[in-house]
Amino acid sequence: MIRGNAPSVSRLSWFAAALLTLLCSATTRAAEKDHLLPSWNHTPARQAIIDFVAKVTDPHSPDFVPAADRIATFDNDGTLWTEHPMYTQMAFAIDRVKTLASKHPDWKDQQPYKAVLENDLQALGESGKKGLVELILASHTDITTTDFEAVVKEWFATHRHPRFDQPYTQCTYKPMVELLAYLRANGFRTFIVSGGGIEFMRPITLDCYGIPPEQVVGTTIKTRFEMQDGKPVLMRLPEINFIDDHDGKPVGINQFIGKRPIASFGNSGGDREMLQWTSAGEGLSLKMLVFHDDAKREYAYGPANGLPDTKFGAFPQDLMEEAEQSGWVVISMKDDWETIFTFEE
């Protein structure tokens, strides 16, 4: 005989059902969390992203940030896609110089064009930033913006990365593309802030990253409005308008975005000032640097790897030290990424 206040079978069943529901709910949430950013290994870098997003999107959190202020900025070369053996835009400029060489016979005796036409990469490297700018101006100008966009699209459709034998647009980092989508799913607006040419990147950023052209900030060339055959055009002039690199990145963010980011991602000394600018804002922020330390699956380079300096995407030792001192998260390609490229699969 059951005496006293012993719970009835129905009450026990209700309690068991409620407990089971709670356990299932907790298990589901844990499983969903485990499936976030699937190309990332379960390391502190991945956890830092998830924790940050949870805090700034929770209305009850002291770190909550309204959706209108959830701005995330990303460098492109070496952060969202590969930048070795040379910047993608430099590969485009070299091909473009070769295409235009018949109209400029003097180039065969003139550096840096001579180096390009003779495939002398050492001499080309020795021309430094000055030579690169000269190649960009010669190969990217005296053309309308519409025609230049068509040339860029055609080049991306027909050229492949020399090591991976994949279209350049397939050489994006799968973990970073997942990160972009994850941030947008949580109310962030994602922007590219790159030293690359803005009109070189814009034709492909939507397909590659889900980032529309108006959310791309980059180096710009001066343009001029003209009438040609009764039609208005914008001509690209052989003169740099704005360089969106190093201390130019915070300037570009302020000028073209108008808000300080609460999250920023880079991979080299050229991104230092962008991360510093992000750090200087009020409230919680996330700063991350992609560290190229996986020579087997991608590349390993830079002084912070104990390797010689490089002309493309240098990660100096003092940047690593600043990251440690400032609480910036360094993403190890080797340790933090289970998959680097989609085509690996």
C-alpha atoms as a PDB file:
ATOM      1  CA  MET A   1       0.000   0.000   0.000  1.00  0.00           C
ATOM      2  CA  ILE A   2       1.217   3.482  -0.899  1.00  0.00           C
ATOM      3  CA  ARG A   3       0.898   5.851   2.033  1.00  0.00           C
ATOM      4  CA  GLY A   4       1.537   9.526   2.730  1.00  0.00           C
ATOM      5  CA  ASN A   5       2.569  11.975  -0.032  1.00  0.00           C
ATOM      6  CA  ALA A   6       4.285   9.567  -2.401  1.00  0.00           C
ATOM      7  CA  PRO A   7       4.153  10.958  -5.936  1.00  0.00           C
ATOM      8  CA  SER A   8       1.683   9.396  -8.290  1.00  0.00           C
ATOM      9  CA  VAL A   9       2.749   7.523 -11.399  1.00  0.00           C
ATOM     10  CA  SER A  10       1.425  10.363 -13.557  1.00  0.00           C
ATOM     11  CA  ARG A  11       3.475  12.948 -11.653  1.00  0.00           C
ATOM     12  CA  LEU A  12       6.587  10.784 -11.975  1.00  0.00           C
ATOM     13  CA  SER A  13       5.936  10.371 -15.693  1.00  0.00           C
ATOM     14  CA  TRP A  14       5.540  14.143 -16.146  1.00  0.00           C
ATOM     15  CA  PHE A  15       8.771  14.796 -14.235  1.00  0.00           C
ATOM     16  CA  ALA A  16      10.660  12.187 -16.264  1.00  0.00           C
ATOM     17  CA  ALA A  17       9.318  13.625 -19.500  1.00  0.00           C
ATOM     18  CA  ALA A  18      10.284  17.178 -18.485  1.00  0.00           C
ATOM     19  CA  LEU A  19      13.769  16.041 -17.469  1.00  0.00           C
ATOM     20  CA  LEU A  20      14.173  14.154 -20.729  1.00  0.00           C
ATOM     21  CA  THR A  21      13.083  17.242 -22.677  1.00  0.00           C
ATOM     22  CA  LEU A  22      15.642  19.388 -20.862  1.00  0.00           C
ATOM     23  CA  LEU A  23      18.385  16.844 -21.442  1.00  0.00           C
ATOM     24  CA  CYS A  24      17.485  16.530 -25.119  1.00  0.00           C
ATOM     25  CA  SER A  25      17.408  20.309 -25.495  1.00  0.00           C
ATOM     26  CA  ALA A  26      20.819  20.675 -23.860  1.00  0.00           C
ATOM     27  CA  THR A  27      22.194  17.865 -26.021  1.00  0.00           C
ATOM     28  CA  THR A  28      20.768  19.496 -29.163  1.00  0.00           C
ATOM     29  CA  ARG A  29      22.317  22.866 -28.263  1.00  0.00           C
ATOM     30  CA  ALA A  30      25.657  21.200 -27.610  1.00  0.00           C
ATOM     31  CA  ALA A  31      25.445  19.322 -30.913  1.00  0.00           C
ATOM     32  CA  GLU A  32      24.553  22.530 -32.772  1.00  0.00           C
ATOM     33  CA  LYS A  33      27.497  24.276 -31.143  1.00  0.00           C
ATOM     34  CA  ASP A  34      29.806  21.420 -32.136  1.00  0.00           C
ATOM     35  CA  HIS A  35      28.699  21.824 -35.747  1.00  0.00           C
ATOM     36  CA  LEU A  36      29.506  25.538 -35.881  1.00  0.00           C
ATOM     37  CA  LEU A  37      32.498  26.364 -38.093  1.00  0.00           C
ATOM     38  CA  PRO A  38      32.934  22.733 -39.198  1.00  0.00           C
ATOM     39  CA  SER A  39      36.283  23.285 -40.949  1.00  0.00           C
ATOM     40  CA  TRP A  40      37.815  24.522 -37.703  1.00  0.00           C
ATOM     41  CA  ASN A  41      39.405  22.206 -35.175  1.00  0.00           C
ATOM     42  CA  HIS A  42      38.070  22.483 -31.618  1.00  0.00           C
ATOM     43  CA  THR A  43      40.836  24.777 -30.394  1.00  0.00           C
ATOM     44  CA  PRO A  44      40.925  28.018 -28.366  1.00  0.00           C
ATOM     45  CA  ALA A  45      40.842  30.069 -31.584  1.00  0.00           C
ATOM     46  CA  ARG A  46      37.497  28.599 -32.625  1.00  0.00           C
ATOM     47  CA  GLN A  47      36.162  28.936 -29.086  1.00  0.00           C
ATOM     48  CA  ALA A  48      37.216  32.590 -28.957  1.00  0.00           C
ATOM     49  CA  ILE A  49      35.013  33.289 -31.996  1.00  0.00           C
ATOM     50  CA  ILE A  50      31.991  31.437 -30.590  1.00  0.00           C
ATOM     51  CA  ASP A  51      32.318  33.050 -27.151  1.00  0.00           C
ATOM     52  CA  PHE A  52      32.674  36.527 -28.659  1.00  0.00           C
ATOM     53  CA  VAL A  53      29.617  36.136 -30.900  1.00  0.00           C
ATOM     54  CA  ALA A  54      27.570  34.758 -28.004  1.00  0.00           C
ATOM     55  CA  LYS A  55      28.406  37.741 -25.801  1.00  0.00           C
ATOM     56  CA  VAL A  56      27.821  40.531 -28.307  1.00  0.00           C
ATOM     57  CA  THR A  57      24.527  39.065 -29.589  1.00  0.00           C
ATOM     58  CA  ASP A  58      22.926  38.269 -26.211  1.00  0.00           C
ATOM     59  CA  PRO A  59      20.621  41.160 -25.175  1.00  0.00           C
ATOM     60  CA  HIS A  60      21.133  40.195 -21.519  1.00  0.00           C
ATOM     61  CA  SER A  61      24.938  40.292 -21.778  1.00  0.00           C
ATOM     62  CA  PRO A  62      26.874  43.358 -20.562  1.00  0.00           C
ATOM     63  CA  ASP A  63      28.830  43.050 -23.822  1.00  0.00           C
ATOM     64  CA  PHE A  64      25.735  43.186 -26.053  1.00  0.00           C
ATOM     65  CA  VAL A  65      26.176  45.161 -29.280  1.00  0.00           C
ATOM     66  CA  PRO A  66      23.168  46.230 -31.403  1.00  0.00           C
ATOM     67  CA  ALA A  67      23.113  44.673 -34.855  1.00  0.00           C
ATOM     68  CA  ALA A  68      23.665  48.073 -36.492  1.00  0.00           C
ATOM     69  CA  ASP A  69      27.076  48.272 -34.833  1.00  0.00           C
ATOM     70  CA  ARG A  70      28.214  44.709 -35.510  1.00  0.00           C
ATOM     71  CA  ILE A  71      30.869  45.536 -38.085  1.00  0.00           C
ATOM     72  CA  ALA A  72      33.555  42.990 -39.011  1.00  0.00           C
ATOM     73  CA  THR A  73      36.456  43.836 -41.349  1.00  0.00           C
ATOM     74  CA  PHE A  74      38.645  41.339 -43.196  1.00  0.00           C
ATOM     75  CA  ASP A  75      41.869  41.725 -45.088  1.00  0.00           C
ATOM     76  CA  ASN A  76      41.792  39.728 -48.337  1.00  0.00           C
ATOM     77  CA  ASP A  77      45.224  38.519 -49.480  1.00  0.00           C
ATOM     78  CA  GLY A  78      46.493  35.862 -47.070  1.00  0.00           C
ATOM     79  CA  THR A  79      43.412  36.238 -44.849  1.00  0.00           C
ATOM     80  CA  LEU A  80      40.582  35.108 -47.116  1.00  0.00           C
ATOM     81  CA  TRP A  81      42.559  33.530 -49.976  1.00  0.00           C
ATOM     82  CA  THR A  82      46.112  32.489 -50.706  1.00  0.00           C
ATOM     83  CA  GLU A  83      48.711  35.155 -51.490  1.00  0.00           C
ATOM     84  CA  HIS A  84      51.660  32.957 -52.533  1.00  0.00           C
ATOM     85  CA  PRO A  85      53.712  32.533 -54.608  1.00  0.00           C
ATOM     86  CA  MET A  86      52.593  36.107 -55.277  1.00  0.00           C
ATOM     87  CA  TYR A  87      49.540  38.294 -54.767  1.00  0.00           C
ATOM     88  CA  THR A  88      46.741  37.304 -57.140  1.00  0.00           C
ATOM     89  CA  GLN A  89      46.512  40.862 -58.420  1.00  0.00           C
ATOM     90  CA  MET A  90      50.231  40.819 -59.229  1.00  0.00           C
ATOM     91  CA  ALA A  91      49.738  37.639 -61.277  1.00  0.00           C
ATOM     92  CA  PHE A  92      46.948  39.466 -63.121  1.00  0.00           C
ATOM     93  CA  ALA A  93      49.177  42.512 -63.689  1.00  0.00           C
ATOM     94  CA  ILE A  94      51.982  40.344 -65.095  1.00  0.00           C
ATOM     95  CA  ASP A  95      49.619  38.649 -67.540  1.00  0.00           C
ATOM     96  CA  ARG A  96      48.128  41.993 -68.488  1.00  0.00           C
ATOM     97  CA  VAL A  97      51.578  43.524 -69.169  1.00  0.00           C
ATOM     98  CA  LYS A  98      52.396  40.599 -71.470  1.00  0.00           C
ATOM     99  CA  THR A  99      49.085  41.123 -73.279  1.00  0.00           C
ATOM    100  CA  LEU A 100      49.745  44.847 -73.762  1.00  0.00           C
ATOM    101  CA  ALA A 101      53.468  44.534 -74.581  1.00  0.00           C
ATOM    102  CA  SER A 102      52.968  44.641 -78.374  1.00  0.00           C
ATOM    103  CA  LYS A 103      51.644  48.188 -78.003  1.00  0.00           C
ATOM    104  CA  HIS A 104      54.698  49.214 -75.942  1.00  0.00           C
ATOM    105  CA  PRO A 105      57.894  48.054 -77.694  1.00  0.00           C
ATOM    106  CA  ASP A 106      60.006  50.150 -75.310  1.00  0.00           C
ATOM    107  CA  TRP A 107      59.027  47.851 -72.408  1.00  0.00           C
ATOM    108  CA  LYS A 108      61.454  45.133 -73.532  1.00  0.00           C
ATOM    109  CA  ASP A 109      64.367  47.301 -72.361  1.00  0.00           C
ATOM    110  CA  GLN A 110      62.681  49.008 -69.423  1.00  0.00           C
ATOM    111  CA  GLN A 111      62.331  47.708 -65.863  1.00  0.00           C
ATOM    112  CA  PRO A 112      60.159  46.378 -64.315  1.00  0.00           C
ATOM    113  CA  TYR A 113      58.515  45.470 -67.654  1.00  0.00           C
ATOM    114  CA  LYS A 114      61.696  43.793 -68.917  1.00  0.00           C
ATOM    115  CA  ALA A 115      61.662  41.488 -65.891  1.00  0.00           C
ATOM    116  CA  VAL A 116      58.032  40.564 -66.566  1.00  0.00           C
ATOM    117  CA  LEU A 117      58.593  39.834 -70.254  1.00  0.00           C
ATOM    118  CA  GLU A 118      61.682  37.723 -69.481  1.00  0.00           C
ATOM    119  CA  ASN A 119      59.996  35.952 -66.538  1.00  0.00           C
ATOM    120  CA  ASP A 120      62.808  37.208 -64.296  1.00  0.00           C
ATOM    121  CA  LEU A 121      61.066  37.002 -60.902  1.00  0.00           C
ATOM    122  CA  GLN A 122      64.246  37.926 -59.007  1.00  0.00           C
ATOM    123  CA  ALA A 123      64.598  41.221 -60.870  1.00  0.00           C
ATOM    124  CA  LEU A 124      60.880  41.790 -60.482  1.00  0.00           C
ATOM    125  CA  GLY A 125      61.145  41.276 -56.729  1.00  0.00           C
ATOM    126  CA  GLU A 126      64.072  43.686 -56.557  1.00  0.00           C
ATOM    127  CA  SER A 127      61.913  46.395 -58.118  1.00  0.00           C
ATOM    128  CA  GLY A 128      59.996  46.412 -54.808  1.00  0.00           C
ATOM    129  CA  LYS A 129      56.796  48.324 -54.112  1.00  0.00           C
ATOM    130  CA  LYS A 130      57.751  51.030 -56.617  1.00  0.00           C
ATOM    131  CA  GLY A 131      57.956  48.471 -59.405  1.00  0.00           C
ATOM    132  CA  LEU A 132      54.683  46.852 -58.377  1.00  0.00           C
ATOM    133  CA  VAL A 133      52.883  50.206 -58.418  1.00  0.00           C
ATOM    134  CA  GLU A 134      54.345  50.958 -61.858  1.00  0.00           C
ATOM    135  CA  LEU A 135      53.078  47.613 -63.189  1.00  0.00           C
ATOM    136  CA  ILE A 136      49.643  48.202 -61.684  1.00  0.00           C
ATOM    137  CA  LEU A 137      49.352  51.648 -63.224  1.00  0.00           C
ATOM    138  CA  ALA A 138      50.493  50.429 -66.637  1.00  0.00           C
ATOM    139  CA  SER A 139      48.230  47.382 -66.701  1.00  0.00           C
ATOM    140  CA  HIS A 140      45.114  48.679 -64.930  1.00  0.00           C
ATOM    141  CA  THR A 141      44.555  52.106 -66.514  1.00  0.00           C
ATOM    142  CA  ASP A 142      43.646  53.904 -69.745  1.00  0.00           C
ATOM    143  CA  ILE A 143      40.532  51.769 -69.825  1.00  0.00           C
ATOM    144  CA  THR A 144      36.937  52.387 -68.768  1.00  0.00           C
ATOM    145  CA  THR A 145      35.732  50.948 -65.487  1.00  0.00           C
ATOM    146  CA  THR A 146      33.220  48.780 -67.377  1.00  0.00           C
ATOM    147  CA  ASP A 147      35.864  47.349 -69.712  1.00  0.00           C
ATOM    148  CA  PHE A 148      38.258  46.766 -66.822  1.00  0.00           C
ATOM    149  CA  GLU A 149      35.610  44.779 -64.956  1.00  0.00           C
ATOM    150  CA  ALA A 150      35.111  42.605 -68.044  1.00  0.00           C
ATOM    151  CA  VAL A 151      38.874  42.002 -68.337  1.00  0.00           C
ATOM    152  CA  VAL A 152      39.083  41.016 -64.658  1.00  0.00           C
ATOM    153  CA  LYS A 153      36.162  38.601 -64.934  1.00  0.00           C
ATOM    154  CA  GLU A 154      37.632  37.001 -68.057  1.00  0.00           C
ATOM    155  CA  TRP A 155      41.022  36.565 -66.352  1.00  0.00           C
ATOM    156  CA  PHE A 156      39.511  34.885 -63.306  1.00  0.00           C
ATOM    157  CA  ALA A 157      37.510  32.590 -65.586  1.00  0.00           C
ATOM    158  CA  THR A 158      40.584  31.425 -67.518  1.00  0.00           C
ATOM    159  CA  HIS A 159      43.545  31.405 -65.099  1.00  0.00           C
ATOM    160  CA  ARG A 160      44.538  28.932 -62.400  1.00  0.00           C
ATOM    161  CA  HIS A 161      46.810  28.964 -59.374  1.00  0.00           C
ATOM    162  CA  PRO A 162      50.282  27.630 -60.337  1.00  0.00           C
ATOM    163  CA  ARG A 163      50.589  25.239 -57.401  1.00  0.00           C
ATOM    164  CA  PHE A 164      47.053  24.059 -56.749  1.00  0.00           C
ATOM    165  CA  ASP A 165      45.912  24.036 -60.402  1.00  0.00           C
ATOM    166  CA  GLN A 166      42.573  25.487 -59.316  1.00  0.00           C
ATOM    167  CA  PRO A 167      40.828  28.686 -60.400  1.00  0.00           C
ATOM    168  CA  TYR A 168      42.019  31.531 -58.176  1.00  0.00           C
ATOM    169  CA  THR A 169      38.457  31.961 -56.971  1.00  0.00           C
ATOM    170  CA  GLN A 170      38.611  28.420 -55.540  1.00  0.00           C
ATOM    171  CA  CYS A 171      41.741  29.225 -53.526  1.00  0.00           C
ATOM    172  CA  THR A 172      39.713  30.824 -50.744  1.00  0.00           C
ATOM    173  CA  TYR A 173      40.079  29.547 -47.187  1.00  0.00           C
ATOM    174  CA  LYS A 174      37.075  27.404 -46.305  1.00  0.00           C
ATOM    175  CA  PRO A 175      37.289  28.175 -42.541  1.00  0.00           C
ATOM    176  CA  MET A 176      37.198  31.919 -43.232  1.00  0.00           C
ATOM    177  CA  VAL A 177      34.275  31.635 -45.637  1.00  0.00           C
ATOM    178  CA  GLU A 178      32.431  29.722 -42.888  1.00  0.00           C
ATOM    179  CA  LEU A 179      33.364  32.460 -40.422  1.00  0.00           C
ATOM    180  CA  LEU A 180      31.956  35.153 -42.714  1.00  0.00           C
ATOM    181  CA  ALA A 181      28.666  33.257 -43.009  1.00  0.00           C
ATOM    182  CA  TYR A 182      28.554  32.607 -39.260  1.00  0.00           C
ATOM    183  CA  LEU A 183      29.007  36.285 -38.457  1.00  0.00           C
ATOM    184  CA  ARG A 184      26.340  37.353 -40.945  1.00  0.00           C
ATOM    185  CA  ALA A 185      23.944  34.771 -39.501  1.00  0.00           C
ATOM    186  CA  ASN A 186      24.424  36.571 -36.184  1.00  0.00           C
ATOM    187  CA  GLY A 187      23.635  40.049 -37.446  1.00  0.00           C
ATOM    188  CA  PHE A 188      27.107  41.208 -38.502  1.00  0.00           C
ATOM    189  CA  ARG A 189      27.901  43.131 -41.643  1.00  0.00           C
ATOM    190  CA  THR A 190      31.145  41.874 -43.165  1.00  0.00           C
ATOM    191  CA  PHE A 191      33.524  44.123 -45.101  1.00  0.00           C
ATOM    192  CA  ILE A 192      36.739  43.522 -46.984  1.00  0.00           C
ATOM    193  CA  VAL A 193      39.425  46.093 -46.146  1.00  0.00           C
ATOM    194  CA  SER A 194      42.404  45.263 -48.347  1.00  0.00           C
ATOM    195  CA  GLY A 195      45.491  46.758 -49.899  1.00  0.00           C
ATOM    196  CA  GLY A 196      44.348  45.173 -53.156  1.00  0.00           C
ATOM    197  CA  GLY A 197      42.673  47.167 -55.886  1.00  0.00           C
ATOM    198  CA  ILE A 198      39.024  47.772 -55.118  1.00  0.00           C
ATOM    199  CA  GLU A 199      37.907  47.263 -58.736  1.00  0.00           C
ATOM    200  CA  PHE A 200      39.999  44.107 -59.041  1.00  0.00           C
ATOM    201  CA  MET A 201      38.239  42.537 -56.047  1.00  0.00           C
ATOM    202  CA  ARG A 202      34.661  43.733 -56.496  1.00  0.00           C
ATOM    203  CA  PRO A 203      33.757  41.531 -59.511  1.00  0.00           C
ATOM    204  CA  ILE A 204      34.378  38.321 -57.515  1.00  0.00           C
ATOM    205  CA  THR A 205      33.760  39.027 -53.816  1.00  0.00           C
ATOM    206  CA  LEU A 206      30.046  38.213 -53.844  1.00  0.00           C
ATOM    207  CA  ASP A 207      30.583  34.769 -55.352  1.00  0.00           C
ATOM    208  CA  CYS A 208      33.712  34.035 -53.297  1.00  0.00           C
ATOM    209  CA  TYR A 209      32.674  35.387 -49.901  1.00  0.00           C
ATOM    210  CA  GLY A 210      29.072  36.552 -49.999  1.00  0.00           C
ATOM    211  CA  ILE A 211      30.325  40.147 -49.699  1.00  0.00           C
ATOM    212  CA  PRO A 212      28.666  42.599 -52.143  1.00  0.00           C
ATOM    213  CA  PRO A 213      30.793  45.144 -54.052  1.00  0.00           C
ATOM    214  CA  GLU A 214      29.643  48.069 -51.909  1.00  0.00           C
ATOM    215  CA  GLN A 215      31.164  46.385 -48.843  1.00  0.00           C
ATOM    216  CA  VAL A 216      34.656  46.241 -50.342  1.00  0.00           C
ATOM    217  CA  VAL A 217      37.243  48.834 -49.311  1.00  0.00           C
ATOM    218  CA  GLY A 218      40.557  48.810 -51.168  1.00  0.00           C
ATOM    219  CA  THR A 219      43.227  50.767 -52.968  1.00  0.00           C
ATOM    220  CA  THR A 220      41.748  53.044 -55.638  1.00  0.00           C
ATOM    221  CA  ILE A 221      42.954  54.564 -58.894  1.00  0.00           C
ATOM    222  CA  LYS A 222      41.790  57.996 -59.965  1.00  0.00           C
ATOM    223  CA  THR A 223      38.916  58.019 -62.431  1.00  0.00           C
ATOM    224  CA  ARG A 224      37.485  60.696 -64.704  1.00  0.00           C
ATOM    225  CA  PHE A 225      34.035  61.144 -66.186  1.00  0.00           C
ATOM    226  CA  GLU A 226      34.052  61.388 -69.976  1.00  0.00           C
ATOM    227  CA  MET A 227      31.651  61.236 -72.906  1.00  0.00           C
ATOM    228  CA  GLN A 228      32.665  58.679 -75.541  1.00  0.00           C
ATOM    229  CA  ASP A 229      30.528  58.330 -78.681  1.00  0.00           C
ATOM    230  CA  GLY A 230      27.747  60.120 -76.860  1.00  0.00           C
ATOM    231  CA  LYS A 231      27.874  57.768 -73.862  1.00  0.00           C
ATOM    232  CA  PRO A 232      29.092  58.571 -70.345  1.00  0.00           C
ATOM    233  CA  VAL A 233      32.036  56.499 -69.114  1.00  0.00           C
ATOM    234  CA  LEU A 234      34.511  56.520 -66.238  1.00  0.00           C
ATOM    235  CA  MET A 235      38.132  56.329 -67.385  1.00  0.00           C
ATOM    236  CA  ARG A 236      40.762  54.799 -65.107  1.00  0.00           C
ATOM    237  CA  LEU A 237      43.736  57.174 -64.971  1.00  0.00           C
ATOM    238  CA  PRO A 238      47.406  56.226 -64.365  1.00  0.00           C
ATOM    239  CA  GLU A 239      47.459  57.767 -60.913  1.00  0.00           C
ATOM    240  CA  ILE A 240      46.907  56.266 -57.463  1.00  0.00           C
ATOM    241  CA  ASN A 241      44.020  57.842 -55.559  1.00  0.00           C
ATOM    242  CA  PHE A 242      44.213  56.065 -52.179  1.00  0.00           C
ATOM    243  CA  ILE A 243      46.341  53.218 -50.783  1.00  0.00           C
ATOM    244  CA  ASP A 244      44.343  51.081 -48.377  1.00  0.00           C
ATOM    245  CA  ASP A 245      47.219  49.461 -46.500  1.00  0.00           C
ATOM    246  CA  HIS A 246      48.929  49.847 -43.102  1.00  0.00           C
ATOM    247  CA  ASP A 247      47.739  53.170 -41.601  1.00  0.00           C
ATOM    248  CA  GLY A 248      45.523  53.661 -44.648  1.00  0.00           C
ATOM    249  CA  LYS A 249      43.203  50.892 -43.447  1.00  0.00           C
ATOM    250  CA  PRO A 250      41.738  52.779 -40.455  1.00  0.00           C
ATOM    251  CA  VAL A 251      41.413  55.822 -42.717  1.00  0.00           C
ATOM    252  CA  GLY A 252      39.568  53.733 -45.315  1.00  0.00           C
ATOM    253  CA  ILE A 253      37.311  52.205 -42.667  1.00  0.00           C
ATOM    254  CA  ASN A 254      36.371  55.618 -41.346  1.00  0.00           C
ATOM    255  CA  GLN A 255      35.916  57.109 -44.807  1.00  0.00           C
ATOM    256  CA  PHE A 256      33.994  54.325 -46.514  1.00  0.00           C
ATOM    257  CA  ILE A 257      32.296  52.409 -43.680  1.00  0.00           C
ATOM    258  CA  GLY A 258      31.817  55.200 -41.162  1.00  0.00           C
ATOM    259  CA  LYS A 259      31.905  52.949 -38.081  1.00  0.00           C
ATOM    260  CA  ARG A 260      34.686  51.340 -36.115  1.00  0.00           C
ATOM    261  CA  PRO A 261      34.631  47.539 -36.406  1.00  0.00           C
ATOM    262  CA  ILE A 262      34.167  45.350 -33.342  1.00  0.00           C
ATOM    263  CA  ALA A 263      35.933  42.455 -35.081  1.00  0.00           C
ATOM    264  CA  SER A 264      38.856  42.538 -37.496  1.00  0.00           C
ATOM    265  CA  PHE A 265      40.903  39.861 -39.197  1.00  0.00           C
ATOM    266  CA  GLY A 266      44.270  40.073 -40.943  1.00  0.00           C
ATOM    267  CA  ASN A 267      47.459  38.130 -41.525  1.00  0.00           C
ATOM    268  CA  SER A 268      50.400  40.488 -41.896  1.00  0.00           C
ATOM    269  CA  GLY A 269      52.121  43.665 -40.799  1.00  0.00           C
ATOM    270  CA  GLY A 270      49.896  45.557 -43.226  1.00  0.00           C
ATOM    271  CA  ASP A 271      46.903  44.770 -40.986  1.00  0.00           C
ATOM    272  CA  ARG A 272      48.447  45.925 -37.717  1.00  0.00           C
ATOM    273  CA  GLU A 273      46.851  49.367 -37.705  1.00  0.00           C
ATOM    274  CA  MET A 274      43.409  47.953 -38.515  1.00  0.00           C
ATOM    275  CA  LEU A 275      43.577  45.694 -35.463  1.00  0.00           C
ATOM    276  CA  GLN A 276      44.898  48.563 -33.334  1.00  0.00           C
ATOM    277  CA  TRP A 277      41.987  50.742 -34.491  1.00  0.00           C
ATOM    278  CA  THR A 278      39.522  47.999 -33.606  1.00  0.00           C
ATOM    279  CA  SER A 279      41.115  47.567 -30.173  1.00  0.00           C
ATOM    280  CA  ALA A 280      40.757  51.267 -29.417  1.00  0.00           C
ATOM    281  CA  GLY A 281      36.957  51.128 -29.528  1.00  0.00           C
ATOM    282  CA  GLU A 282      34.734  50.884 -26.490  1.00  0.00           C
ATOM    283  CA  GLY A 283      33.414  47.520 -25.415  1.00  0.00           C
ATOM    284  CA  LEU A 284      34.350  43.979 -26.331  1.00  0.00           C
ATOM    285  CA  SER A 285      36.149  43.352 -29.626  1.00  0.00           C
ATOM    286  CA  LEU A 286      37.773  40.439 -31.424  1.00  0.00           C
ATOM    287  CA  LYS A 287      41.089  40.712 -33.264  1.00  0.00           C
ATOM    288  CA  MET A 288      42.570  37.736 -35.125  1.00  0.00           C
ATOM    289  CA  LEU A 289      45.587  37.083 -37.343  1.00  0.00           C
ATOM    290  CA  VAL A 290      45.926  34.163 -39.744  1.00  0.00           C
ATOM    291  CA  PHE A 291      49.400  32.632 -39.333  1.00  0.00           C
ATOM    292  CA  HIS A 292      50.768  30.759 -42.350  1.00  0.00           C
ATOM    293  CA  ASP A 293      52.553  27.805 -40.775  1.00  0.00           C
ATOM    294  CA  ASP A 294      51.343  24.893 -42.921  1.00  0.00           C
ATOM    295  CA  ALA A 295      53.820  24.290 -45.732  1.00  0.00           C
ATOM    296  CA  LYS A 296      52.250  20.933 -46.565  1.00  0.00           C
ATOM    297  CA  ARG A 297      48.693  22.079 -47.246  1.00  0.00           C
ATOM    298  CA  GLU A 298      49.389  25.736 -48.116  1.00  0.00           C
ATOM    299  CA  TYR A 299      52.537  27.742 -47.307  1.00  0.00           C
ATOM    300  CA  ALA A 300      54.748  28.615 -44.339  1.00  0.00           C
ATOM    301  CA  TYR A 301      56.587  31.916 -44.461  1.00  0.00           C
ATOM    302  CA  GLY A 302      57.774  34.961 -42.559  1.00  0.00           C
ATOM    303  CA  PRO A 303      60.144  35.824 -39.709  1.00  0.00           C
ATOM    304  CA  ALA A 304      57.624  34.752 -37.049  1.00  0.00           C
ATOM    305  CA  ASN A 305      58.060  31.242 -38.501  1.00  0.00           C
ATOM    306  CA  GLY A 306      61.814  31.518 -38.239  1.00  0.00           C
ATOM    307  CA  LEU A 307      61.915  31.825 -42.026  1.00  0.00           C
ATOM    308  CA  PRO A 308      63.277  34.565 -44.318  1.00  0.00           C
ATOM    309  CA  ASP A 309      61.177  37.656 -44.873  1.00  0.00           C
ATOM    310  CA  THR A 310      58.855  37.623 -47.836  1.00  0.00           C
ATOM    311  CA  LYS A 311      57.623  40.263 -50.228  1.00  0.00           C
ATOM    312  CA  PHE A 312      54.088  38.949 -49.876  1.00  0.00           C
ATOM    313  CA  GLY A 313      52.224  38.938 -46.565  1.00  0.00           C
ATOM    314  CA  ALA A 314      55.127  39.337 -44.161  1.00  0.00           C
ATOM    315  CA  PHE A 315      54.322  38.346 -40.550  1.00  0.00           C
ATOM    316  CA  PRO A 316      57.163  39.962 -38.595  1.00  0.00           C
ATOM    317  CA  GLN A 317      58.234  38.755 -35.177  1.00  0.00           C
ATOM    318  CA  ASP A 318      57.220  42.035 -33.529  1.00  0.00           C
ATOM    319  CA  LEU A 319      53.653  41.513 -34.811  1.00  0.00           C
ATOM    320  CA  MET A 320      53.557  38.154 -33.046  1.00  0.00           C
ATOM    321  CA  GLU A 321      54.812  39.843 -29.881  1.00  0.00           C
ATOM    322  CA  GLU A 322      52.213  42.597 -30.160  1.00  0.00           C
ATOM    323  CA  ALA A 323      49.490  39.993 -30.639  1.00  0.00           C
ATOM    324  CA  GLU A 324      50.543  38.204 -27.442  1.00  0.00           C
ATOM    325  CA  GLN A 325      50.725  41.453 -25.473  1.00  0.00           C
ATOM    326  CA  SER A 326      47.439  42.833 -26.798  1.00  0.00           C
ATOM    327  CA  GLY A 327      45.349  39.676 -26.558  1.00  0.00           C
ATOM    328  CA  TRP A 328      44.948  39.267 -30.296  1.00  0.00           C
ATOM    329  CA  VAL A 329      44.182  35.693 -31.338  1.00  0.00           C
ATOM    330  CA  VAL A 330      46.673  34.097 -33.717  1.00  0.00           C
ATOM    331  CA  ILE A 331      45.057  31.468 -35.958  1.00  0.00           C
ATOM    332  CA  SER A 332      47.439  28.629 -36.763  1.00  0.00           C
ATOM    333  CA  MET A 333      46.575  27.175 -40.167  1.00  0.00           C
ATOM    334  CA  LYS A 334      48.290  23.969 -39.150  1.00  0.00           C
ATOM    335  CA  ASP A 335      46.603  23.524 -35.773  1.00  0.00           C
ATOM    336  CA  ASP A 336      43.308  25.417 -35.966  1.00  0.00           C
ATOM    337  CA  TRP A 337      42.042  24.449 -39.418  1.00  0.00           C
ATOM    338  CA  GLU A 338      40.884  20.920 -40.167  1.00  0.00           C
ATOM    339  CA  THR A 339      40.400  21.877 -43.815  1.00  0.00           C
ATOM    340  CA  ILE A 340      41.993  24.787 -45.655  1.00  0.00           C
ATOM    341  CA  PHE A 341      40.478  24.616 -49.145  1.00  0.00           C
ATOM    342  CA  THR A 342      37.172  23.229 -50.338  1.00  0.00           C
ATOM    343  CA  PHE A 343      38.951  21.343 -53.126  1.00  0.00           C
ATOM    344  CA  GLU A 344      40.850  19.297 -50.502  1.00  0.00           C
ATOM    345  CA  GLU A 345      37.651  17.346 -50.023  1.00  0.00           C
END
